[in-house]
Amino acid sequence: MKIYASVALASALFLTACAGSSQTGSQTTATASVHNYQCESGATIAATYPTSNTATVEYQGNSYDMDIAVSASGARYVGDKLEWWTKGSGAGSEGLLLQHMADGTSGDTIESCTKH
């Protein structure tokens, strides 16, 4: 009888450990690194990419959440009537902040920036 009790206890502990590890895994989130850009106007833009399909752009004290959009080249994100379009990677890569028009096209350039 002691053997059955030991096996039951070991099984219960094993199942509890498995349940605990799956909860821990679901709470894990990726940390997005900050990409800093210096703009020709003197302003700065800090962009993070929480997922492969989203960007958060910090500009003039405001935060804009954007979703990936179709682009001919580079990476383009759209949200809050703005577009964030980057080309290249690493220091010296380009970033443009543009108005996003209701018809889905790019509007006027707000900022032209370089990653540092």
C-alpha atoms as a PDB file:
ATOM      1  CA  MET A   1       0.000   0.000   0.000  1.00  0.00           C
ATOM      2  CA  LYS A   2       2.910   2.337   0.749  1.00  0.00           C
ATOM      3  CA  ILE A   3       4.186   1.828  -2.812  1.00  0.00           C
ATOM      4  CA  TYR A   4       0.842   2.908  -4.294  1.00  0.00           C
ATOM      5  CA  ALA A   5       0.761   5.986  -2.061  1.00  0.00           C
ATOM      6  CA  SER A   6       4.315   6.898  -3.116  1.00  0.00           C
ATOM      7  CA  VAL A   7       3.459   6.472  -6.808  1.00  0.00           C
ATOM      8  CA  ALA A   8       0.296   8.548  -6.400  1.00  0.00           C
ATOM      9  CA  LEU A   9       2.211  11.302  -4.606  1.00  0.00           C
ATOM     10  CA  ALA A  10       4.966  11.322  -7.241  1.00  0.00           C
ATOM     11  CA  SER A  11       2.366  11.475 -10.027  1.00  0.00           C
ATOM     12  CA  ALA A  12       0.563  14.364  -8.355  1.00  0.00           C
ATOM     13  CA  LEU A  13       3.820  16.299  -7.936  1.00  0.00           C
ATOM     14  CA  PHE A  14       4.762  15.640 -11.568  1.00  0.00           C
ATOM     15  CA  LEU A  15       1.385  16.880 -12.843  1.00  0.00           C
ATOM     16  CA  THR A  16       1.574  19.963 -10.630  1.00  0.00           C
ATOM     17  CA  ALA A  17       5.050  20.769 -11.954  1.00  0.00           C
ATOM     18  CA  CYS A  18       3.871  20.366 -15.555  1.00  0.00           C
ATOM     19  CA  ALA A  19       0.864  22.612 -14.975  1.00  0.00           C
ATOM     20  CA  GLY A  20       3.065  25.233 -13.344  1.00  0.00           C
ATOM     21  CA  SER A  21       5.566  25.241 -16.196  1.00  0.00           C
ATOM     22  CA  SER A  22       2.871  25.785 -18.835  1.00  0.00           C
ATOM     23  CA  GLN A  23       1.550  28.783 -16.913  1.00  0.00           C
ATOM     24  CA  THR A  24       5.018  30.268 -16.691  1.00  0.00           C
ATOM     25  CA  GLY A  25       5.508  29.811 -20.446  1.00  0.00           C
ATOM     26  CA  SER A  26       2.268  31.617 -21.266  1.00  0.00           C
ATOM     27  CA  GLN A  27       3.305  34.614 -19.174  1.00  0.00           C
ATOM     28  CA  THR A  28       6.645  35.022 -20.921  1.00  0.00           C
ATOM     29  CA  THR A  29       6.805  38.030 -23.237  1.00  0.00           C
ATOM     30  CA  ALA A  30       9.529  39.116 -25.600  1.00  0.00           C
ATOM     31  CA  THR A  31      11.380  42.309 -24.858  1.00  0.00           C
ATOM     32  CA  ALA A  32      11.499  44.672 -27.825  1.00  0.00           C
ATOM     33  CA  SER A  33      14.691  46.655 -28.288  1.00  0.00           C
ATOM     34  CA  VAL A  34      14.562  50.401 -28.941  1.00  0.00           C
ATOM     35  CA  HIS A  35      15.791  51.776 -32.268  1.00  0.00           C
ATOM     36  CA  ASN A  36      16.678  55.477 -32.023  1.00  0.00           C
ATOM     37  CA  TYR A  37      16.537  57.833 -34.997  1.00  0.00           C
ATOM     38  CA  GLN A  38      17.787  61.409 -35.339  1.00  0.00           C
ATOM     39  CA  CYS A  39      15.653  63.497 -37.690  1.00  0.00           C
ATOM     40  CA  GLU A  40      16.735  66.345 -39.963  1.00  0.00           C
ATOM     41  CA  SER A  41      14.475  68.729 -38.009  1.00  0.00           C
ATOM     42  CA  GLY A  42      16.345  67.936 -34.781  1.00  0.00           C
ATOM     43  CA  ALA A  43      13.521  65.762 -33.431  1.00  0.00           C
ATOM     44  CA  THR A  44      14.109  62.172 -32.364  1.00  0.00           C
ATOM     45  CA  ILE A  45      12.051  59.045 -32.933  1.00  0.00           C
ATOM     46  CA  ALA A  46      12.278  55.871 -30.852  1.00  0.00           C
ATOM     47  CA  ALA A  47      10.804  52.809 -32.536  1.00  0.00           C
ATOM     48  CA  THR A  48      10.201  49.406 -30.985  1.00  0.00           C
ATOM     49  CA  TYR A  49       8.898  46.283 -32.667  1.00  0.00           C
ATOM     50  CA  PRO A  50       6.931  44.230 -30.100  1.00  0.00           C
ATOM     51  CA  THR A  51       6.071  41.574 -32.720  1.00  0.00           C
ATOM     52  CA  SER A  52       7.079  40.915 -36.306  1.00  0.00           C
ATOM     53  CA  ASN A  53       3.844  42.624 -37.410  1.00  0.00           C
ATOM     54  CA  THR A  54       3.745  45.687 -35.150  1.00  0.00           C
ATOM     55  CA  ALA A  55       5.722  48.808 -34.303  1.00  0.00           C
ATOM     56  CA  THR A  56       5.409  51.430 -31.596  1.00  0.00           C
ATOM     57  CA  VAL A  57       6.747  54.853 -32.535  1.00  0.00           C
ATOM     58  CA  GLU A  58       7.534  57.467 -29.875  1.00  0.00           C
ATOM     59  CA  TYR A  59       7.502  60.963 -31.369  1.00  0.00           C
ATOM     60  CA  GLN A  60       7.163  64.364 -29.686  1.00  0.00           C
ATOM     61  CA  GLY A  61       5.964  62.852 -26.415  1.00  0.00           C
ATOM     62  CA  ASN A  62       3.306  60.672 -28.052  1.00  0.00           C
ATOM     63  CA  SER A  63       3.218  56.926 -28.619  1.00  0.00           C
ATOM     64  CA  TYR A  64       1.737  55.500 -31.829  1.00  0.00           C
ATOM     65  CA  ASP A  65       0.911  51.804 -32.235  1.00  0.00           C
ATOM     66  CA  MET A  66       1.162  50.661 -35.840  1.00  0.00           C
ATOM     67  CA  ASP A  67       0.578  47.513 -37.870  1.00  0.00           C
ATOM     68  CA  ILE A  68       2.709  46.260 -40.729  1.00  0.00           C
ATOM     69  CA  ALA A  69       1.560  47.233 -44.232  1.00  0.00           C
ATOM     70  CA  VAL A  70       2.525  46.390 -47.797  1.00  0.00           C
ATOM     71  CA  SER A  71       5.637  48.161 -49.096  1.00  0.00           C
ATOM     72  CA  ALA A  72       7.663  48.001 -52.286  1.00  0.00           C
ATOM     73  CA  SER A  73      10.876  48.038 -50.247  1.00  0.00           C
ATOM     74  CA  GLY A  74      11.816  48.347 -46.603  1.00  0.00           C
ATOM     75  CA  ALA A  75       9.367  47.938 -43.736  1.00  0.00           C
ATOM     76  CA  ARG A  76       6.190  50.025 -43.543  1.00  0.00           C
ATOM     77  CA  TYR A  77       3.889  50.364 -40.521  1.00  0.00           C
ATOM     78  CA  VAL A  78       0.567  52.237 -40.413  1.00  0.00           C
ATOM     79  CA  GLY A  79      -1.566  53.548 -37.532  1.00  0.00           C
ATOM     80  CA  ASP A  80      -3.147  56.699 -36.089  1.00  0.00           C
ATOM     81  CA  LYS A  81      -3.133  58.395 -39.536  1.00  0.00           C
ATOM     82  CA  LEU A  82       0.664  58.028 -39.649  1.00  0.00           C
ATOM     83  CA  GLU A  83       3.179  55.809 -41.448  1.00  0.00           C
ATOM     84  CA  TRP A  84       6.600  54.723 -40.238  1.00  0.00           C
ATOM     85  CA  TRP A  85       8.724  53.517 -43.146  1.00  0.00           C
ATOM     86  CA  THR A  86      12.247  52.198 -42.652  1.00  0.00           C
ATOM     87  CA  LYS A  87      14.862  51.082 -45.132  1.00  0.00           C
ATOM     88  CA  GLY A  88      18.063  49.280 -44.217  1.00  0.00           C
ATOM     89  CA  SER A  89      19.300  48.117 -40.845  1.00  0.00           C
ATOM     90  CA  GLY A  90      21.914  49.258 -38.402  1.00  0.00           C
ATOM     91  CA  ALA A  91      23.486  52.675 -38.017  1.00  0.00           C
ATOM     92  CA  GLY A  92      22.783  54.956 -40.958  1.00  0.00           C
ATOM     93  CA  SER A  93      19.530  53.259 -41.996  1.00  0.00           C
ATOM     94  CA  GLU A  94      16.675  55.545 -42.978  1.00  0.00           C
ATOM     95  CA  GLY A  95      13.322  56.168 -41.328  1.00  0.00           C
ATOM     96  CA  LEU A  96      10.466  58.302 -42.624  1.00  0.00           C
ATOM     97  CA  LEU A  97       7.440  59.430 -40.645  1.00  0.00           C
ATOM     98  CA  LEU A  98       4.630  60.333 -43.037  1.00  0.00           C
ATOM     99  CA  GLN A  99       0.971  61.218 -42.988  1.00  0.00           C
ATOM    100  CA  HIS A 100      -1.221  58.246 -43.913  1.00  0.00           C
ATOM    101  CA  MET A 101      -4.121  59.156 -46.165  1.00  0.00           C
ATOM    102  CA  ALA A 102      -7.649  57.729 -45.860  1.00  0.00           C
ATOM    103  CA  ASP A 103      -7.272  56.026 -49.259  1.00  0.00           C
ATOM    104  CA  GLY A 104      -4.251  54.056 -47.981  1.00  0.00           C
ATOM    105  CA  THR A 105      -1.588  56.089 -49.744  1.00  0.00           C
ATOM    106  CA  SER A 106       1.342  57.961 -48.241  1.00  0.00           C
ATOM    107  CA  GLY A 107       0.912  61.663 -47.620  1.00  0.00           C
ATOM    108  CA  ASP A 108       3.416  64.389 -46.839  1.00  0.00           C
ATOM    109  CA  THR A 109       6.680  63.605 -45.069  1.00  0.00           C
ATOM    110  CA  ILE A 110       6.627  64.726 -41.435  1.00  0.00           C
ATOM    111  CA  GLU A 111      10.185  63.647 -40.530  1.00  0.00           C
ATOM    112  CA  SER A 112      13.175  62.242 -42.396  1.00  0.00           C
ATOM    113  CA  CYS A 113      15.509  60.441 -39.987  1.00  0.00           C
ATOM    114  CA  THR A 114      18.677  58.376 -39.716  1.00  0.00           C
ATOM    115  CA  LYS A 115      19.266  55.575 -37.236  1.00  0.00           C
ATOM    116  CA  HIS A 116      22.194  56.121 -34.885  1.00  0.00           C
END
